[in-house]
């Protein structure tokens, strides 16, 4: 129903910045949420950030708060993740996720989202 196409990512050095993008098609978001998760080999998919679409309220994990910023462009149906002050521990495959409609589901678990992007690798070298 909703196709999420990611772009961005790459190989950077500690302290650098990257901007990830995720464009959704098949649904024009007015409610619901988009989020970013990341996952490394052998680990659970980890919540990074989320944005409630209608209000613009944002949520961050403690490990990225103050360094990462999630934002949206309503006209482009796109969510972004601006990542600053990158660290090696930020290395992961990053996934965008979305859900539609209103819900009282938590923003934090991966199971709270219904649609996923293909993932993009972010590697931060020291």
PDB file of N, CA and C in Angstrom:
ATOM      1  N   UNK A   1       0.822  -1.200   0.000  1.00  0.00           N
ATOM      2  CA  UNK A   1       0.000   0.000   0.000  1.00  0.00           C
ATOM      3  C   UNK A   1       0.860   1.255   0.000  1.00  0.00           C
ATOM      4  N   UNK A   2       1.888   1.266   0.819  1.00  0.00           N
ATOM      5  CA  UNK A   2       2.794   2.403   0.890  1.00  0.00           C
ATOM      6  C   UNK A   2       4.187   1.916   0.543  1.00  0.00           C
ATOM      7  N   UNK A   3       4.769   2.537  -0.460  1.00  0.00           N
ATOM      8  CA  UNK A   3       6.123   2.228  -0.866  1.00  0.00           C
ATOM      9  C   UNK A   3       7.059   3.285  -0.315  1.00  0.00           C
ATOM     10  N   UNK A   4       8.087   2.841   0.371  1.00  0.00           N
ATOM     11  CA  UNK A   4       9.051   3.727   0.975  1.00  0.00           C
ATOM     12  C   UNK A   4      10.384   3.535   0.271  1.00  0.00           C
ATOM     13  N   UNK A   5      10.903   4.596  -0.308  1.00  0.00           N
ATOM     14  CA  UNK A   5      12.149   4.539  -1.061  1.00  0.00           C
ATOM     15  C   UNK A   5      13.166   5.442  -0.395  1.00  0.00           C
ATOM     16  N   UNK A   6      14.256   4.844   0.048  1.00  0.00           N
ATOM     17  CA  UNK A   6      15.278   5.567   0.773  1.00  0.00           C
ATOM     18  C   UNK A   6      16.405   6.013  -0.143  1.00  0.00           C
ATOM     19  N   UNK A   7      17.071   7.060   0.279  1.00  0.00           N
ATOM     20  CA  UNK A   7      18.289   7.507  -0.362  1.00  0.00           C
ATOM     21  C   UNK A   7      19.197   8.113   0.696  1.00  0.00           C
ATOM     22  N   UNK A   8      20.443   8.263   0.343  1.00  0.00           N
ATOM     23  CA  UNK A   8      21.424   8.753   1.285  1.00  0.00           C
ATOM     24  C   UNK A   8      22.257   7.613   1.835  1.00  0.00           C
ATOM     25  N   UNK A   9      22.927   7.883   2.907  1.00  0.00           N
ATOM     26  CA  UNK A   9      23.819   6.907   3.479  1.00  0.00           C
ATOM     27  C   UNK A   9      25.181   6.961   2.815  1.00  0.00           C
ATOM     28  N   UNK A  10      26.069   6.155   3.331  1.00  0.00           N
ATOM     29  CA  UNK A  10      27.402   6.097   2.784  1.00  0.00           C
ATOM     30  C   UNK A  10      28.445   5.922   3.858  1.00  0.00           C
ATOM     31  N   UNK A  11      29.673   6.130   3.461  1.00  0.00           N
ATOM     32  CA  UNK A  11      30.824   5.985   4.339  1.00  0.00           C
ATOM     33  C   UNK A  11      31.353   7.362   4.699  1.00  0.00           C
ATOM     34  N   UNK A  12      31.402   7.639   5.988  1.00  0.00           N
ATOM     35  CA  UNK A  12      31.886   8.926   6.471  1.00  0.00           C
ATOM     36  C   UNK A  12      32.827   8.698   7.642  1.00  0.00           C
ATOM     37  N   UNK A  13      33.446   9.772   8.070  1.00  0.00           N
ATOM     38  CA  UNK A  13      34.348   9.728   9.204  1.00  0.00           C
ATOM     39  C   UNK A  13      33.663  10.252  10.454  1.00  0.00           C
ATOM     40  N   UNK A  14      34.215   9.891  11.580  1.00  0.00           N
ATOM     41  CA  UNK A  14      33.712  10.383  12.851  1.00  0.00           C
ATOM     42  C   UNK A  14      33.608  11.907  12.834  1.00  0.00           C
ATOM     43  N   UNK A  15      32.468  12.403  13.281  1.00  0.00           N
ATOM     44  CA  UNK A  15      32.216  13.832  13.303  1.00  0.00           C
ATOM     45  C   UNK A  15      31.526  14.377  12.074  1.00  0.00           C
ATOM     46  N   UNK A  16      31.453  13.594  11.027  1.00  0.00           N
ATOM     47  CA  UNK A  16      30.807  14.040   9.798  1.00  0.00           C
ATOM     48  C   UNK A  16      29.291  13.998   9.924  1.00  0.00           C
ATOM     49  N   UNK A  17      28.651  14.466   8.880  1.00  0.00           N
ATOM     50  CA  UNK A  17      27.199  14.502   8.823  1.00  0.00           C
ATOM     51  C   UNK A  17      26.689  13.784   7.590  1.00  0.00           C
ATOM     52  N   UNK A  18      25.499  13.256   7.698  1.00  0.00           N
ATOM     53  CA  UNK A  18      24.783  12.662   6.589  1.00  0.00           C
ATOM     54  C   UNK A  18      23.319  13.019   6.704  1.00  0.00           C
ATOM     55  N   UNK A  19      22.665  13.033   5.569  1.00  0.00           N
ATOM     56  CA  UNK A  19      21.232  13.264   5.534  1.00  0.00           C
ATOM     57  C   UNK A  19      20.570  12.130   4.770  1.00  0.00           C
ATOM     58  N   UNK A  20      19.704  11.418   5.446  1.00  0.00           N
ATOM     59  CA  UNK A  20      18.939  10.352   4.835  1.00  0.00           C
ATOM     60  C   UNK A  20      17.571  10.862   4.434  1.00  0.00           C
ATOM     61  N   UNK A  21      17.073  10.345   3.334  1.00  0.00           N
ATOM     62  CA  UNK A  21      15.752  10.704   2.860  1.00  0.00           C
ATOM     63  C   UNK A  21      14.934   9.445   2.638  1.00  0.00           C
ATOM     64  N   UNK A  22      13.648   9.584   2.791  1.00  0.00           N
ATOM     65  CA  UNK A  22      12.735   8.481   2.540  1.00  0.00           C
ATOM     66  C   UNK A  22      11.448   9.050   1.986  1.00  0.00           C
ATOM     67  N   UNK A  23      11.172   8.740   0.742  1.00  0.00           N
ATOM     68  CA  UNK A  23       9.981   9.237   0.066  1.00  0.00           C
ATOM     69  C   UNK A  23       8.923   8.149   0.024  1.00  0.00           C
ATOM     70  N   UNK A  24       7.740   8.498   0.430  1.00  0.00           N
ATOM     71  CA  UNK A  24       6.626   7.561   0.450  1.00  0.00           C
ATOM     72  C   UNK A  24       5.722   7.795  -0.747  1.00  0.00           C
ATOM     73  N   UNK A  25       5.246   6.724  -1.298  1.00  0.00           N
ATOM     74  CA  UNK A  25       4.254   6.792  -2.361  1.00  0.00           C
ATOM     75  C   UNK A  25       3.131   5.816  -2.054  1.00  0.00           C
ATOM     76  N   UNK A  26       1.988   6.085  -2.626  1.00  0.00           N
ATOM     77  CA  UNK A  26       0.821   5.257  -2.373  1.00  0.00           C
ATOM     78  C   UNK A  26      -0.074   5.779  -1.274  1.00  0.00           C
ATOM     79  N   UNK A  27       0.388   6.795  -0.575  1.00  0.00           N
ATOM     80  CA  UNK A  27      -0.393   7.394   0.485  1.00  0.00           C
ATOM     81  C   UNK A  27       0.125   8.796   0.746  1.00  0.00           C
ATOM     82  N   UNK A  28      -0.781   9.730   0.843  1.00  0.00           N
ATOM     83  CA  UNK A  28      -0.433  11.080   1.238  1.00  0.00           C
ATOM     84  C   UNK A  28      -0.662  11.200   2.735  1.00  0.00           C
ATOM     85  N   UNK A  29       0.406  11.419   3.449  1.00  0.00           N
ATOM     86  CA  UNK A  29       0.322  11.397   4.898  1.00  0.00           C
ATOM     87  C   UNK A  29      -0.330  12.656   5.436  1.00  0.00           C
ATOM     88  N   UNK A  30      -1.317  12.445   6.252  1.00  0.00           N
ATOM     89  CA  UNK A  30      -1.920  13.514   7.034  1.00  0.00           C
ATOM     90  C   UNK A  30      -1.914  13.168   8.512  1.00  0.00           C
ATOM     91  N   UNK A  31      -2.044  11.916   8.804  1.00  0.00           N
ATOM     92  CA  UNK A  31      -1.926  11.397  10.158  1.00  0.00           C
ATOM     93  C   UNK A  31      -0.907  10.272  10.137  1.00  0.00           C
ATOM     94  N   UNK A  32      -0.799   9.581  11.225  1.00  0.00           N
ATOM     95  CA  UNK A  32       0.164   8.507  11.303  1.00  0.00           C
ATOM     96  C   UNK A  32       1.545   9.027  11.660  1.00  0.00           C
ATOM     97  N   UNK A  33       2.542   8.264  11.298  1.00  0.00           N
ATOM     98  CA  UNK A  33       3.897   8.603  11.696  1.00  0.00           C
ATOM     99  C   UNK A  33       4.899   7.999  10.741  1.00  0.00           C
ATOM    100  N   UNK A  34       6.054   8.611  10.711  1.00  0.00           N
ATOM    101  CA  UNK A  34       7.217   8.025  10.066  1.00  0.00           C
ATOM    102  C   UNK A  34       8.346   7.968  11.074  1.00  0.00           C
ATOM    103  N   UNK A  35       9.212   7.027  10.865  1.00  0.00           N
ATOM    104  CA  UNK A  35      10.268   6.799  11.834  1.00  0.00           C
ATOM    105  C   UNK A  35      11.513   6.287  11.140  1.00  0.00           C
ATOM    106  N   UNK A  36      12.592   6.336  11.874  1.00  0.00           N
ATOM    107  CA  UNK A  36      13.849   5.746  11.453  1.00  0.00           C
ATOM    108  C   UNK A  36      14.296   4.734  12.494  1.00  0.00           C
ATOM    109  N   UNK A  37      14.721   3.586  11.997  1.00  0.00           N
ATOM    110  CA  UNK A  37      15.309   2.546  12.814  1.00  0.00           C
ATOM    111  C   UNK A  37      16.675   2.198  12.239  1.00  0.00           C
ATOM    112  N   UNK A  38      17.459   1.526  13.028  1.00  0.00           N
ATOM    113  CA  UNK A  38      18.733   1.040  12.532  1.00  0.00           C
ATOM    114  C   UNK A  38      18.994  -0.341  13.100  1.00  0.00           C
ATOM    115  N   UNK A  39      19.809  -1.094  12.373  1.00  0.00           N
ATOM    116  CA  UNK A  39      20.049  -2.470  12.752  1.00  0.00           C
ATOM    117  C   UNK A  39      21.450  -2.878  12.341  1.00  0.00           C
ATOM    118  N   UNK A  40      22.125  -3.532  13.250  1.00  0.00           N
ATOM    119  CA  UNK A  40      23.416  -4.134  12.966  1.00  0.00           C
ATOM    120  C   UNK A  40      23.280  -5.639  13.053  1.00  0.00           C
ATOM    121  N   UNK A  41      24.260  -6.341  12.496  1.00  0.00           N
ATOM    122  CA  UNK A  41      24.204  -7.791  12.445  1.00  0.00           C
ATOM    123  C   UNK A  41      24.104  -8.369  13.846  1.00  0.00           C
ATOM    124  N   UNK A  42      23.132  -9.231  14.039  1.00  0.00           N
ATOM    125  CA  UNK A  42      22.963  -9.897  15.310  1.00  0.00           C
ATOM    126  C   UNK A  42      22.228  -9.103  16.358  1.00  0.00           C
ATOM    127  N   UNK A  43      21.774  -7.916  16.009  1.00  0.00           N
ATOM    128  CA  UNK A  43      21.085  -7.061  16.960  1.00  0.00           C
ATOM    129  C   UNK A  43      19.643  -6.851  16.540  1.00  0.00           C
ATOM    130  N   UNK A  44      18.840  -6.480  17.507  1.00  0.00           N
ATOM    131  CA  UNK A  44      17.463  -6.109  17.222  1.00  0.00           C
ATOM    132  C   UNK A  44      17.424  -4.778  16.493  1.00  0.00           C
ATOM    133  N   UNK A  45      16.378  -4.585  15.731  1.00  0.00           N
ATOM    134  CA  UNK A  45      16.181  -3.305  15.084  1.00  0.00           C
ATOM    135  C   UNK A  45      15.913  -2.245  16.147  1.00  0.00           C
ATOM    136  N   UNK A  46      16.698  -1.193  16.112  1.00  0.00           N
ATOM    137  CA  UNK A  46      16.724  -0.188  17.164  1.00  0.00           C
ATOM    138  C   UNK A  46      16.023   1.085  16.724  1.00  0.00           C
ATOM    139  N   UNK A  47      15.157   1.575  17.568  1.00  0.00           N
ATOM    140  CA  UNK A  47      14.503   2.845  17.316  1.00  0.00           C
ATOM    141  C   UNK A  47      15.512   3.978  17.315  1.00  0.00           C
ATOM    142  N   UNK A  48      15.368   4.887  16.368  1.00  0.00           N
ATOM    143  CA  UNK A  48      16.233   6.056  16.274  1.00  0.00           C
ATOM    144  C   UNK A  48      15.442   7.339  16.491  1.00  0.00           C
ATOM    145  N   UNK A  49      14.415   7.534  15.681  1.00  0.00           N
ATOM    146  CA  UNK A  49      13.637   8.763  15.749  1.00  0.00           C
ATOM    147  C   UNK A  49      12.296   8.541  15.083  1.00  0.00           C
ATOM    148  N   UNK A  50      11.326   9.338  15.460  1.00  0.00           N
ATOM    149  CA  UNK A  50      10.007   9.277  14.852  1.00  0.00           C
ATOM    150  C   UNK A  50       9.405  10.663  14.823  1.00  0.00           C
ATOM    151  N   UNK A  51       8.480  10.836  13.910  1.00  0.00           N
ATOM    152  CA  UNK A  51       7.746  12.084  13.822  1.00  0.00           C
ATOM    153  C   UNK A  51       6.281  11.772  13.606  1.00  0.00           C
ATOM    154  N   UNK A  52       5.450  12.360  14.431  1.00  0.00           N
ATOM    155  CA  UNK A  52       4.013  12.280  14.242  1.00  0.00           C
ATOM    156  C   UNK A  52       3.632  13.237  13.127  1.00  0.00           C
ATOM    157  N   UNK A  53       2.965  12.720  12.108  1.00  0.00           N
ATOM    158  CA  UNK A  53       2.831  13.491  10.884  1.00  0.00           C
ATOM    159  C   UNK A  53       1.981  14.742  11.036  1.00  0.00           C
ATOM    160  N   UNK A  54       0.867  14.614  11.710  1.00  0.00           N
ATOM    161  CA  UNK A  54      -0.046  15.745  11.791  1.00  0.00           C
ATOM    162  C   UNK A  54       0.480  16.858  12.678  1.00  0.00           C
ATOM    163  N   UNK A  55       1.066  16.497  13.794  1.00  0.00           N
ATOM    164  CA  UNK A  55       1.520  17.488  14.761  1.00  0.00           C
ATOM    165  C   UNK A  55       2.966  17.912  14.556  1.00  0.00           C
ATOM    166  N   UNK A  56       3.759  17.042  13.968  1.00  0.00           N
ATOM    167  CA  UNK A  56       5.180  17.295  13.858  1.00  0.00           C
ATOM    168  C   UNK A  56       5.975  16.979  15.113  1.00  0.00           C
ATOM    169  N   UNK A  57       5.328  16.427  16.107  1.00  0.00           N
ATOM    170  CA  UNK A  57       6.040  16.032  17.318  1.00  0.00           C
ATOM    171  C   UNK A  57       7.103  15.007  16.983  1.00  0.00           C
ATOM    172  N   UNK A  58       8.233  15.154  17.587  1.00  0.00           N
ATOM    173  CA  UNK A  58       9.357  14.265  17.315  1.00  0.00           C
ATOM    174  C   UNK A  58       9.770  13.508  18.556  1.00  0.00           C
ATOM    175  N   UNK A  59      10.362  12.360  18.320  1.00  0.00           N
ATOM    176  CA  UNK A  59      10.796  11.471  19.383  1.00  0.00           C
ATOM    177  C   UNK A  59      12.160  10.919  18.996  1.00  0.00           C
ATOM    178  N   UNK A  60      13.038  10.812  19.966  1.00  0.00           N
ATOM    179  CA  UNK A  60      14.395  10.367  19.703  1.00  0.00           C
ATOM    180  C   UNK A  60      14.844   9.368  20.748  1.00  0.00           C
ATOM    181  N   UNK A  61      15.701   8.476  20.325  1.00  0.00           N
ATOM    182  CA  UNK A  61      16.385   7.639  21.289  1.00  0.00           C
ATOM    183  C   UNK A  61      17.427   8.469  22.024  1.00  0.00           C
ATOM    184  N   UNK A  62      17.767   8.029  23.211  1.00  0.00           N
ATOM    185  CA  UNK A  62      18.733   8.772  23.999  1.00  0.00           C
ATOM    186  C   UNK A  62      20.104   8.848  23.354  1.00  0.00           C
ATOM    187  N   UNK A  63      20.455   7.858  22.559  1.00  0.00           N
ATOM    188  CA  UNK A  63      21.778   7.816  21.964  1.00  0.00           C
ATOM    189  C   UNK A  63      21.962   8.805  20.820  1.00  0.00           C
ATOM    190  N   UNK A  64      20.870   9.299  20.250  1.00  0.00           N
ATOM    191  CA  UNK A  64      20.981  10.215  19.116  1.00  0.00           C
ATOM    192  C   UNK A  64      20.427  11.595  19.413  1.00  0.00           C
ATOM    193  N   UNK A  65      19.709  11.736  20.488  1.00  0.00           N
ATOM    194  CA  UNK A  65      19.102  13.018  20.807  1.00  0.00           C
ATOM    195  C   UNK A  65      20.180  14.091  20.924  1.00  0.00           C
ATOM    196  N   UNK A  66      19.943  15.209  20.263  1.00  0.00           N
ATOM    197  CA  UNK A  66      20.912  16.287  20.231  1.00  0.00           C
ATOM    198  C   UNK A  66      21.862  16.216  19.059  1.00  0.00           C
ATOM    199  N   UNK A  67      21.932  15.071  18.397  1.00  0.00           N
ATOM    200  CA  UNK A  67      22.793  14.914  17.231  1.00  0.00           C
ATOM    201  C   UNK A  67      21.990  14.712  15.947  1.00  0.00           C
ATOM    202  N   UNK A  68      20.896  13.986  16.046  1.00  0.00           N
ATOM    203  CA  UNK A  68      20.073  13.674  14.878  1.00  0.00           C
ATOM    204  C   UNK A  68      18.801  14.506  14.924  1.00  0.00           C
ATOM    205  N   UNK A  69      18.287  14.824  13.758  1.00  0.00           N
ATOM    206  CA  UNK A  69      17.039  15.550  13.646  1.00  0.00           C
ATOM    207  C   UNK A  69      16.170  14.894  12.592  1.00  0.00           C
ATOM    208  N   UNK A  70      14.963  14.553  12.970  1.00  0.00           N
ATOM    209  CA  UNK A  70      14.000  14.033  12.015  1.00  0.00           C
ATOM    210  C   UNK A  70      13.084  15.168  11.580  1.00  0.00           C
ATOM    211  N   UNK A  71      12.766  15.199  10.323  1.00  0.00           N
ATOM    212  CA  UNK A  71      11.893  16.234   9.798  1.00  0.00           C
ATOM    213  C   UNK A  71      11.075  15.666   8.651  1.00  0.00           C
ATOM    214  N   UNK A  72      10.088  16.429   8.249  1.00  0.00           N
ATOM    215  CA  UNK A  72       9.232  15.975   7.167  1.00  0.00           C
ATOM    216  C   UNK A  72       8.993  17.103   6.179  1.00  0.00           C
ATOM    217  N   UNK A  73       8.689  16.731   4.955  1.00  0.00           N
ATOM    218  CA  UNK A  73       8.279  17.654   3.916  1.00  0.00           C
ATOM    219  C   UNK A  73       6.931  17.155   3.419  1.00  0.00           C
ATOM    220  N   UNK A  74       5.886  17.824   3.825  1.00  0.00           N
ATOM    221  CA  UNK A  74       4.547  17.362   3.482  1.00  0.00           C
ATOM    222  C   UNK A  74       4.312  17.340   1.976  1.00  0.00           C
ATOM    223  N   UNK A  75       4.816  18.350   1.290  1.00  0.00           N
ATOM    224  CA  UNK A  75       4.593  18.438  -0.146  1.00  0.00           C
ATOM    225  C   UNK A  75       5.240  17.284  -0.893  1.00  0.00           C
ATOM    226  N   UNK A  76       6.352  16.812  -0.378  1.00  0.00           N
ATOM    227  CA  UNK A  76       7.081  15.721  -1.024  1.00  0.00           C
ATOM    228  C   UNK A  76       6.788  14.363  -0.412  1.00  0.00           C
ATOM    229  N   UNK A  77       5.966  14.345   0.637  1.00  0.00           N
ATOM    230  CA  UNK A  77       5.651  13.087   1.314  1.00  0.00           C
ATOM    231  C   UNK A  77       6.925  12.353   1.719  1.00  0.00           C
ATOM    232  N   UNK A  78       7.822  13.108   2.294  1.00  0.00           N
ATOM    233  CA  UNK A  78       9.170  12.623   2.547  1.00  0.00           C
ATOM    234  C   UNK A  78       9.583  12.912   3.977  1.00  0.00           C
ATOM    235  N   UNK A  79      10.302  11.980   4.540  1.00  0.00           N
ATOM    236  CA  UNK A  79      10.887  12.160   5.856  1.00  0.00           C
ATOM    237  C   UNK A  79      12.401  12.146   5.713  1.00  0.00           C
ATOM    238  N   UNK A  80      13.058  12.932   6.540  1.00  0.00           N
ATOM    239  CA  UNK A  80      14.503  13.052   6.511  1.00  0.00           C
ATOM    240  C   UNK A  80      15.080  12.725   7.876  1.00  0.00           C
ATOM    241  N   UNK A  81      16.305  12.305   7.869  1.00  0.00           N
ATOM    242  CA  UNK A  81      17.066  12.166   9.091  1.00  0.00           C
ATOM    243  C   UNK A  81      18.401  12.853   8.884  1.00  0.00           C
ATOM    244  N   UNK A  82      18.560  13.989   9.531  1.00  0.00           N
ATOM    245  CA  UNK A  82      19.819  14.701   9.510  1.00  0.00           C
ATOM    246  C   UNK A  82      20.670  14.175  10.652  1.00  0.00           C
ATOM    247  N   UNK A  83      21.815  13.630  10.324  1.00  0.00           N
ATOM    248  CA  UNK A  83      22.691  13.011  11.302  1.00  0.00           C
ATOM    249  C   UNK A  83      23.976  13.820  11.380  1.00  0.00           C
ATOM    250  N   UNK A  84      24.210  14.404  12.523  1.00  0.00           N
ATOM    251  CA  UNK A  84      25.412  15.188  12.761  1.00  0.00           C
ATOM    252  C   UNK A  84      26.266  14.515  13.824  1.00  0.00           C
ATOM    253  N   UNK A  85      27.509  14.920  13.870  1.00  0.00           N
ATOM    254  CA  UNK A  85      28.444  14.408  14.874  1.00  0.00           C
ATOM    255  C   UNK A  85      28.430  12.887  14.916  1.00  0.00           C
ATOM    256  N   UNK A  86      28.528  12.289  13.765  1.00  0.00           N
ATOM    257  CA  UNK A  86      28.421  10.840  13.670  1.00  0.00           C
ATOM    258  C   UNK A  86      29.569  10.145  14.376  1.00  0.00           C
ATOM    259  N   UNK A  87      29.247   9.021  14.947  1.00  0.00           N
ATOM    260  CA  UNK A  87      30.190   8.209  15.688  1.00  0.00           C
ATOM    261  C   UNK A  87      30.242   6.809  15.095  1.00  0.00           C
ATOM    262  N   UNK A  88      31.323   6.077  15.333  1.00  0.00           N
ATOM    263  CA  UNK A  88      31.371   4.698  14.825  1.00  0.00           C
ATOM    264  C   UNK A  88      30.205   3.841  15.296  1.00  0.00           C
ATOM    265  N   UNK A  89      29.710   4.074  16.489  1.00  0.00           N
ATOM    266  CA  UNK A  89      28.591   3.289  16.985  1.00  0.00           C
ATOM    267  C   UNK A  89      27.280   3.595  16.272  1.00  0.00           C
ATOM    268  N   UNK A  90      27.264   4.622  15.431  1.00  0.00           N
ATOM    269  CA  UNK A  90      26.104   4.882  14.593  1.00  0.00           C
ATOM    270  C   UNK A  90      26.080   4.009  13.349  1.00  0.00           C
ATOM    271  N   UNK A  91      27.140   3.278  13.111  1.00  0.00           N
ATOM    272  CA  UNK A  91      27.214   2.408  11.945  1.00  0.00           C
ATOM    273  C   UNK A  91      26.109   1.364  12.001  1.00  0.00           C
ATOM    274  N   UNK A  92      25.323   1.301  10.948  1.00  0.00           N
ATOM    275  CA  UNK A  92      24.200   0.376  10.892  1.00  0.00           C
ATOM    276  C   UNK A  92      23.527   0.498   9.537  1.00  0.00           C
ATOM    277  N   UNK A  93      22.616  -0.413   9.284  1.00  0.00           N
ATOM    278  CA  UNK A  93      21.672  -0.235   8.197  1.00  0.00           C
ATOM    279  C   UNK A  93      20.488   0.536   8.744  1.00  0.00           C
ATOM    280  N   UNK A  94      20.177   1.628   8.107  1.00  0.00           N
ATOM    281  CA  UNK A  94      19.090   2.481   8.548  1.00  0.00           C
ATOM    282  C   UNK A  94      17.857   2.234   7.694  1.00  0.00           C
ATOM    283  N   UNK A  95      16.729   2.106   8.359  1.00  0.00           N
ATOM    284  CA  UNK A  95      15.461   1.854   7.703  1.00  0.00           C
ATOM    285  C   UNK A  95      14.468   2.950   8.052  1.00  0.00           C
ATOM    286  N   UNK A  96      13.746   3.410   7.062  1.00  0.00           N
ATOM    287  CA  UNK A  96      12.606   4.253   7.365  1.00  0.00           C
ATOM    288  C   UNK A  96      11.367   3.384   7.474  1.00  0.00           C
ATOM    289  N   UNK A  97      10.438   3.847   8.252  1.00  0.00           N
ATOM    290  CA  UNK A  97       9.218   3.105   8.511  1.00  0.00           C
ATOM    291  C   UNK A  97       8.057   4.083   8.603  1.00  0.00           C
ATOM    292  N   UNK A  98       6.874   3.565   8.377  1.00  0.00           N
ATOM    293  CA  UNK A  98       5.700   4.418   8.450  1.00  0.00           C
ATOM    294  C   UNK A  98       4.490   3.625   8.887  1.00  0.00           C
ATOM    295  N   UNK A  99       3.524   4.355   9.354  1.00  0.00           N
ATOM    296  CA  UNK A  99       2.208   3.826   9.615  1.00  0.00           C
ATOM    297  C   UNK A  99       1.220   4.930   9.292  1.00  0.00           C
ATOM    298  N   UNK A 100       0.012   4.548   8.980  1.00  0.00           N
ATOM    299  CA  UNK A 100      -0.997   5.516   8.580  1.00  0.00           C
ATOM    300  C   UNK A 100      -2.129   5.520   9.584  1.00  0.00           C
ATOM    301  N   UNK A 101      -2.856   6.603   9.584  1.00  0.00           N
ATOM    302  CA  UNK A 101      -4.009   6.714  10.455  1.00  0.00           C
ATOM    303  C   UNK A 101      -3.634   7.076  11.873  1.00  0.00           C
ATOM    304  N   UNK A 102      -4.655   7.279  12.661  1.00  0.00           N
ATOM    305  CA  UNK A 102      -4.453   7.607  14.064  1.00  0.00           C
ATOM    306  C   UNK A 102      -4.416   6.333  14.883  1.00  0.00           C
ATOM    307  N   UNK A 103      -3.562   6.338  15.862  1.00  0.00           N
ATOM    308  CA  UNK A 103      -3.400   5.177  16.717  1.00  0.00           C
ATOM    309  C   UNK A 103      -2.733   5.621  18.005  1.00  0.00           C
ATOM    310  N   UNK A 104      -2.957   4.841  19.028  1.00  0.00           N
ATOM    311  CA  UNK A 104      -2.265   5.094  20.282  1.00  0.00           C
ATOM    312  C   UNK A 104      -1.086   4.152  20.473  1.00  0.00           C
ATOM    313  N   UNK A 105      -0.686   3.487  19.397  1.00  0.00           N
ATOM    314  CA  UNK A 105       0.486   2.635  19.478  1.00  0.00           C
ATOM    315  C   UNK A 105       1.719   3.468  19.813  1.00  0.00           C
ATOM    316  N   UNK A 106       2.614   2.860  20.540  1.00  0.00           N
ATOM    317  CA  UNK A 106       3.872   3.511  20.853  1.00  0.00           C
ATOM    318  C   UNK A 106       4.659   3.807  19.586  1.00  0.00           C
ATOM    319  N   UNK A 107       5.491   4.812  19.639  1.00  0.00           N
ATOM    320  CA  UNK A 107       6.357   5.143  18.519  1.00  0.00           C
ATOM    321  C   UNK A 107       7.635   4.319  18.487  1.00  0.00           C
ATOM    322  N   UNK A 108       7.917   3.571  19.513  1.00  0.00           N
ATOM    323  CA  UNK A 108       9.255   3.038  19.709  1.00  0.00           C
ATOM    324  C   UNK A 108       9.520   1.642  19.159  1.00  0.00           C
ATOM    325  N   UNK A 109       8.616   0.695  19.240  1.00  0.00           N
ATOM    326  CA  UNK A 109       8.927  -0.640  18.736  1.00  0.00           C
ATOM    327  C   UNK A 109       8.772  -0.727  17.217  1.00  0.00           C
ATOM    328  N   UNK A 110       9.607  -1.539  16.612  1.00  0.00           N
ATOM    329  CA  UNK A 110       9.508  -1.754  15.174  1.00  0.00           C
ATOM    330  C   UNK A 110       8.164  -2.343  14.776  1.00  0.00           C
ATOM    331  N   UNK A 111       7.575  -3.115  15.672  1.00  0.00           N
ATOM    332  CA  UNK A 111       6.294  -3.730  15.387  1.00  0.00           C
ATOM    333  C   UNK A 111       5.158  -2.725  15.300  1.00  0.00           C
ATOM    334  N   UNK A 112       5.390  -1.500  15.690  1.00  0.00           N
ATOM    335  CA  UNK A 112       4.370  -0.469  15.614  1.00  0.00           C
ATOM    336  C   UNK A 112       4.233   0.134  14.220  1.00  0.00           C
ATOM    337  N   UNK A 113       5.061  -0.278  13.298  1.00  0.00           N
ATOM    338  CA  UNK A 113       5.060   0.276  11.947  1.00  0.00           C
ATOM    339  C   UNK A 113       4.704  -0.778  10.922  1.00  0.00           C
ATOM    340  N   UNK A 114       4.078  -0.337   9.854  1.00  0.00           N
ATOM    341  CA  UNK A 114       3.508  -1.242   8.873  1.00  0.00           C
ATOM    342  C   UNK A 114       4.251  -1.280   7.548  1.00  0.00           C
ATOM    343  N   UNK A 115       4.956  -0.227   7.214  1.00  0.00           N
ATOM    344  CA  UNK A 115       5.640  -0.129   5.933  1.00  0.00           C
ATOM    345  C   UNK A 115       7.089   0.254   6.161  1.00  0.00           C
ATOM    346  N   UNK A 116       7.956  -0.327   5.340  1.00  0.00           N
ATOM    347  CA  UNK A 116       9.386  -0.182   5.547  1.00  0.00           C
ATOM    348  C   UNK A 116      10.120   0.110   4.255  1.00  0.00           C
ATOM    349  N   UNK A 117      11.148   0.932   4.371  1.00  0.00           N
ATOM    350  CA  UNK A 117      12.045   1.146   3.264  1.00  0.00           C
ATOM    351  C   UNK A 117      13.016  -0.001   3.113  1.00  0.00           C
ATOM    352  N   UNK A 118      13.832   0.093   2.075  1.00  0.00           N
ATOM    353  CA  UNK A 118      14.729  -1.008   1.744  1.00  0.00           C
ATOM    354  C   UNK A 118      15.986  -1.045   2.593  1.00  0.00           C
ATOM    355  N   UNK A 119      16.244   0.013   3.322  1.00  0.00           N
ATOM    356  CA  UNK A 119      17.439   0.102   4.133  1.00  0.00           C
ATOM    357  C   UNK A 119      18.598   0.720   3.379  1.00  0.00           C
ATOM    358  N   UNK A 120      19.408   1.448   4.096  1.00  0.00           N
ATOM    359  CA  UNK A 120      20.604   2.036   3.516  1.00  0.00           C
ATOM    360  C   UNK A 120      21.728   1.975   4.543  1.00  0.00           C
ATOM    361  N   UNK A 121      22.910   1.642   4.069  1.00  0.00           N
ATOM    362  CA  UNK A 121      24.051   1.473   4.956  1.00  0.00           C
ATOM    363  C   UNK A 121      24.662   2.820   5.314  1.00  0.00           C
ATOM    364  N   UNK A 122      24.887   3.010   6.590  1.00  0.00           N
ATOM    365  CA  UNK A 122      25.660   4.134   7.095  1.00  0.00           C
ATOM    366  C   UNK A 122      26.854   3.556   7.834  1.00  0.00           C
ATOM    367  N   UNK A 123      28.035   3.918   7.397  1.00  0.00           N
ATOM    368  CA  UNK A 123      29.253   3.452   8.027  1.00  0.00           C
ATOM    369  C   UNK A 123      30.076   4.654   8.459  1.00  0.00           C
ATOM    370  N   UNK A 124      30.450   4.671   9.718  1.00  0.00           N
ATOM    371  CA  UNK A 124      31.221   5.769  10.283  1.00  0.00           C
ATOM    372  C   UNK A 124      32.556   5.208  10.735  1.00  0.00           C
ATOM    373  N   UNK A 125      33.613   5.669  10.121  1.00  0.00           N
ATOM    374  CA  UNK A 125      34.950   5.225  10.471  1.00  0.00           C
ATOM    375  C   UNK A 125      35.564   6.165  11.490  1.00  0.00           C
ATOM    376  N   UNK A 126      36.482   5.643  12.264  1.00  0.00           N
ATOM    377  CA  UNK A 126      37.142   6.435  13.285  1.00  0.00           C
ATOM    378  C   UNK A 126      38.371   7.137  12.743  1.00  0.00           C
TER     379      UNK A 126
END
